């Protein structure tokens, strides 16, 4: 049978500053090991002290988290779309429209070109963050208007029209997607759509800034990215 030991504080050991075994048996016949009070305290209260220290650390972390400024708003990178504009004005089979002179606060965040490899219709997507922190995009393509416009506006039913600098645009609204759209189809069959979560007022600003671009080739033009 293996003997078990227990620890008790000893005033005599505290004065001597050392721990010493005692031959006197404790109750029940088990030997007692006498230790200094400081050692006894560390042996019996160490776990509690550790728990208190951890709780204090977690409390401090929580306070720092609460007082640290945070933002849930996603910050999208600014996109330089000059290369896509150059590619479209060089190789697209139609006159390309692009925004010129957008007011400060408009920031391009995405640009994608499709169809310049000769496979299918040619399309250009150009997305913006507006001054009111909403989304607005320019979509244009020589795809059949009866297919392209409903797909870009998420709606086949028009809701009237809007005059923008003397040009008539057809209005669309998709309530469940919170999307507004202005669309027009040019005589050559190219469709232009401005669409987004932005209101019609900001979409009209984008529509009014669109200008036809002359055919390019050779040197890449300077960036047309609007001021932020």
Protein backbone atom coordinates (compact mmCIF):
# COMPACT_ATOMS: atom_id res chain seq x y z
CA UNK A 1 0.00 0.00 0.00
CA UNK A 2 1.33 3.45 -0.89
CA UNK A 3 1.46 6.08 1.86
CA UNK A 4 -0.39 9.39 1.24
CA UNK A 5 0.85 12.73 2.54
CA UNK A 6 -0.91 16.03 3.36
CA UNK A 7 0.40 19.59 3.78
CA UNK A 8 -0.24 21.94 6.65
CA UNK A 9 1.23 25.38 7.44
CA UNK A 10 3.80 25.46 10.25
CA UNK A 11 4.65 28.57 12.26
CA UNK A 12 7.91 27.02 13.26
CA UNK A 13 8.85 26.44 9.64
CA UNK A 14 7.91 30.04 8.80
CA UNK A 15 10.41 31.26 11.38
CA UNK A 16 13.09 28.93 10.08
CA UNK A 17 12.23 29.79 6.42
CA UNK A 18 12.44 26.15 5.35
CA UNK A 19 10.26 23.07 5.12
CA UNK A 20 11.11 19.98 7.08
CA UNK A 21 9.42 16.60 7.37
CA UNK A 22 8.01 15.53 10.72
CA UNK A 23 8.06 12.01 12.07
CA UNK A 24 4.88 12.61 14.07
CA UNK A 25 2.01 10.76 12.43
CA UNK A 26 -1.14 12.73 11.62
CA UNK A 27 -4.62 11.52 12.47
CA UNK A 28 -5.30 8.28 10.74
CA UNK A 29 -1.67 7.25 10.88
CA UNK A 30 -0.49 9.28 7.87
CA UNK A 31 2.80 11.26 8.13
CA UNK A 32 2.58 15.06 7.90
CA UNK A 33 4.92 17.28 5.87
CA UNK A 34 5.29 20.73 7.38
CA UNK A 35 5.82 23.67 4.90
CA UNK A 36 6.26 27.40 5.25
CA UNK A 37 3.02 29.48 5.14
CA UNK A 38 4.08 31.19 1.88
CA UNK A 39 4.62 27.84 0.17
CA UNK A 40 1.34 26.55 1.56
CA UNK A 41 -0.51 29.59 0.17
CA UNK A 42 0.95 29.15 -3.29
CA UNK A 43 0.10 25.45 -3.28
CA UNK A 44 -3.51 25.99 -2.22
CA UNK A 45 -4.43 29.27 -3.95
CA UNK A 46 -2.48 29.16 -7.25
CA UNK A 47 -5.41 28.04 -9.43
CA UNK A 48 -7.70 30.71 -8.03
CA UNK A 49 -5.12 33.42 -8.65
CA UNK A 50 -4.63 32.22 -12.22
CA UNK A 51 -8.39 32.31 -12.80
CA UNK A 52 -8.61 35.86 -11.45
CA UNK A 53 -5.73 36.99 -13.66
CA UNK A 54 -7.34 35.43 -16.75
CA UNK A 55 -10.67 37.08 -15.95
CA UNK A 56 -8.92 40.45 -15.61
CA UNK A 57 -7.21 39.99 -18.98
CA UNK A 58 -10.47 39.04 -20.71
CA UNK A 59 -12.18 42.06 -19.15
CA UNK A 60 -9.42 44.34 -20.42
CA UNK A 61 -9.67 42.87 -23.93
CA UNK A 62 -13.45 43.39 -23.88
CA UNK A 63 -13.08 47.02 -22.86
CA UNK A 64 -10.53 47.66 -25.62
CA UNK A 65 -12.84 46.00 -28.17
CA UNK A 66 -15.78 48.16 -27.09
CA UNK A 67 -13.91 51.47 -27.22
CA UNK A 68 -12.00 50.79 -30.46
CA UNK A 69 -13.63 52.54 -33.47
CA UNK A 70 -14.86 50.04 -36.06
CA UNK A 71 -16.64 50.26 -39.38
CA UNK A 72 -18.88 47.61 -40.92
CA UNK A 73 -18.75 49.34 -44.30
CA UNK A 74 -16.91 47.41 -46.95
CA UNK A 75 -14.25 49.47 -48.68
CA UNK A 76 -13.93 48.54 -52.35
CA UNK A 77 -10.71 49.29 -54.24
CA UNK A 78 -10.70 51.97 -56.92
CA UNK A 79 -10.39 50.61 -60.44
CA UNK A 80 -8.53 52.25 -63.31
CA UNK A 81 -10.63 51.28 -66.33
CA UNK A 82 -8.52 53.01 -68.99
CA UNK A 83 -7.27 49.70 -70.43
CA UNK A 84 -10.82 48.34 -70.83
CA UNK A 85 -11.96 51.59 -72.42
CA UNK A 86 -9.01 51.48 -74.82
CA UNK A 87 -9.78 47.85 -75.69
CA UNK A 88 -13.44 48.65 -76.34
CA UNK A 89 -12.75 51.73 -78.47
CA UNK A 90 -10.14 49.80 -80.41
CA UNK A 91 -11.92 46.51 -81.04
CA UNK A 92 -15.64 46.80 -80.31
CA UNK A 93 -17.80 46.65 -83.48
CA UNK A 94 -19.81 49.68 -82.36
CA UNK A 95 -19.34 53.18 -80.93
CA UNK A 96 -18.59 52.90 -77.25
CA UNK A 97 -20.11 55.24 -74.67
CA UNK A 98 -18.18 56.19 -71.53
CA UNK A 99 -18.66 58.72 -68.71
CA UNK A 100 -16.80 62.00 -68.99
CA UNK A 101 -16.57 64.64 -66.26
CA UNK A 102 -18.39 62.84 -63.48
CA UNK A 103 -18.58 65.00 -60.33
CA UNK A 104 -16.27 64.39 -57.37
CA UNK A 105 -17.40 61.49 -55.20
CA UNK A 106 -17.94 59.03 -58.02
CA UNK A 107 -15.43 56.19 -57.79
CA UNK A 108 -15.00 53.34 -60.27
CA UNK A 109 -14.75 49.96 -58.53
CA UNK A 110 -15.15 47.36 -61.30
CA UNK A 111 -14.71 47.00 -65.04
CA UNK A 112 -15.22 43.92 -67.23
CA UNK A 113 -15.19 43.43 -70.99
CA UNK A 114 -16.75 40.47 -72.80
CA UNK A 115 -16.88 39.29 -76.40
CA UNK A 116 -13.82 41.01 -77.90
CA UNK A 117 -12.49 37.55 -78.77
CA UNK A 118 -15.25 37.28 -81.39
CA UNK A 119 -17.31 34.83 -79.36
CA UNK A 120 -20.76 36.29 -78.87
CA UNK A 121 -21.96 39.85 -78.32
CA UNK A 122 -19.53 42.51 -77.10
CA UNK A 123 -20.36 43.98 -73.68
CA UNK A 124 -18.76 46.30 -71.16
CA UNK A 125 -19.61 46.57 -67.47
CA UNK A 126 -18.37 49.58 -65.50
CA UNK A 127 -19.32 49.81 -61.83
CA UNK A 128 -19.19 52.81 -59.47
CA UNK A 129 -19.71 53.81 -55.87
CA UNK A 130 -21.77 57.01 -55.90
CA UNK A 131 -21.38 60.06 -53.63
CA UNK A 132 -24.25 58.72 -51.48
CA UNK A 133 -22.35 55.41 -51.07
CA UNK A 134 -24.74 53.53 -53.34
CA UNK A 135 -23.95 51.30 -56.31
CA UNK A 136 -24.38 52.36 -59.94
CA UNK A 137 -23.18 50.69 -63.12
CA UNK A 138 -22.97 51.33 -66.82
CA UNK A 139 -23.86 48.31 -68.94
CA UNK A 140 -23.69 48.34 -72.74
CA UNK A 141 -23.76 45.68 -75.43
CA UNK A 142 -24.71 44.94 -79.01
CA UNK A 143 -26.66 41.90 -77.80
CA UNK A 144 -30.28 41.79 -78.93
CA UNK A 145 -32.05 44.51 -76.93
CA UNK A 146 -35.10 42.38 -76.15
CA UNK A 147 -32.80 39.95 -74.31
CA UNK A 148 -30.12 42.28 -72.95
CA UNK A 149 -32.23 45.07 -71.43
CA UNK A 150 -34.53 42.81 -69.36
CA UNK A 151 -31.54 40.90 -68.06
CA UNK A 152 -29.65 44.03 -67.04
CA UNK A 153 -32.68 45.72 -65.48
CA UNK A 154 -34.04 42.53 -63.89
CA UNK A 155 -37.42 43.52 -65.26
CA UNK A 156 -39.42 43.33 -68.46
CA UNK A 157 -42.00 45.89 -67.40
CA UNK A 158 -41.10 49.56 -67.81
CA UNK A 159 -42.27 52.18 -65.32
CA UNK A 160 -42.41 55.26 -67.50
CA UNK A 161 -39.59 57.38 -68.83
CA UNK A 162 -37.13 60.05 -67.72
CA UNK A 163 -35.67 62.93 -69.71
CA UNK A 164 -31.93 63.36 -69.19
CA UNK A 165 -30.41 66.31 -71.06
CA UNK A 166 -33.11 66.04 -73.70
CA UNK A 167 -32.65 62.29 -74.15
CA UNK A 168 -35.46 59.88 -73.24
CA UNK A 169 -34.53 56.95 -71.03
CA UNK A 170 -36.92 54.16 -70.04
CA UNK A 171 -37.29 53.61 -66.30
CA UNK A 172 -37.34 50.22 -64.58
CA UNK A 173 -37.62 49.27 -60.92
CA UNK A 174 -37.15 45.92 -59.19
CA UNK A 175 -38.46 46.23 -55.63
CA UNK A 176 -37.24 42.90 -54.29
CA UNK A 177 -33.70 43.60 -55.50
CA UNK A 178 -33.84 47.32 -54.61
CA UNK A 179 -32.67 48.08 -58.13
CA UNK A 180 -33.41 51.11 -60.30
CA UNK A 181 -32.55 51.27 -63.98
CA UNK A 182 -32.51 53.67 -66.93
CA UNK A 183 -32.20 52.15 -70.39
CA UNK A 184 -32.08 53.22 -74.01
CA UNK A 185 -31.35 51.44 -77.28
CA UNK A 186 -29.43 53.33 -79.95
CA UNK A 187 -30.39 53.26 -83.65
CA UNK A 188 -27.59 50.80 -84.43
CA UNK A 189 -28.98 48.27 -81.95
CA UNK A 190 -26.55 48.92 -79.09
CA UNK A 191 -28.27 49.08 -75.69
CA UNK A 192 -27.08 51.23 -72.78
CA UNK A 193 -28.30 50.64 -69.24
CA UNK A 194 -27.42 52.48 -66.04
CA UNK A 195 -28.52 50.41 -63.08
CA UNK A 196 -27.95 50.10 -59.35
CA UNK A 197 -29.16 50.70 -55.83
CA UNK A 198 -28.67 54.43 -56.42
CA UNK A 199 -31.78 56.52 -56.90
CA UNK A 200 -32.89 57.82 -60.29
CA UNK A 201 -31.32 61.19 -59.55
CA UNK A 202 -27.80 59.73 -59.29
CA UNK A 203 -28.41 57.34 -62.18
CA UNK A 204 -29.38 60.39 -64.26
CA UNK A 205 -26.03 61.99 -63.37
CA UNK A 206 -24.22 58.94 -64.76
CA UNK A 207 -26.46 58.86 -67.84
CA UNK A 208 -25.87 62.56 -68.51
CA UNK A 209 -22.09 62.08 -68.34
CA UNK A 210 -22.04 59.40 -71.07
CA UNK A 211 -20.43 60.45 -74.34
CA UNK A 212 -19.60 58.51 -77.52
CA UNK A 213 -15.91 57.67 -77.81
CA UNK A 214 -13.97 57.96 -81.01
CA UNK A 215 -12.24 54.90 -82.41
CA UNK A 216 -8.87 54.32 -80.77
CA UNK A 217 -5.76 52.38 -81.67
CA UNK A 218 -2.13 52.24 -80.74
CA UNK A 219 -1.22 54.23 -77.63
CA UNK A 220 -3.15 53.59 -74.44
CA UNK A 221 -5.06 56.77 -73.46
CA UNK A 222 -4.79 58.51 -70.09
CA UNK A 223 -7.00 57.20 -67.29
CA UNK A 224 -10.56 58.57 -67.42
CA UNK A 225 -11.24 57.53 -63.81
CA UNK A 226 -13.30 60.28 -62.16
CA UNK A 227 -12.07 62.17 -59.12
CA UNK A 228 -12.85 60.55 -55.78
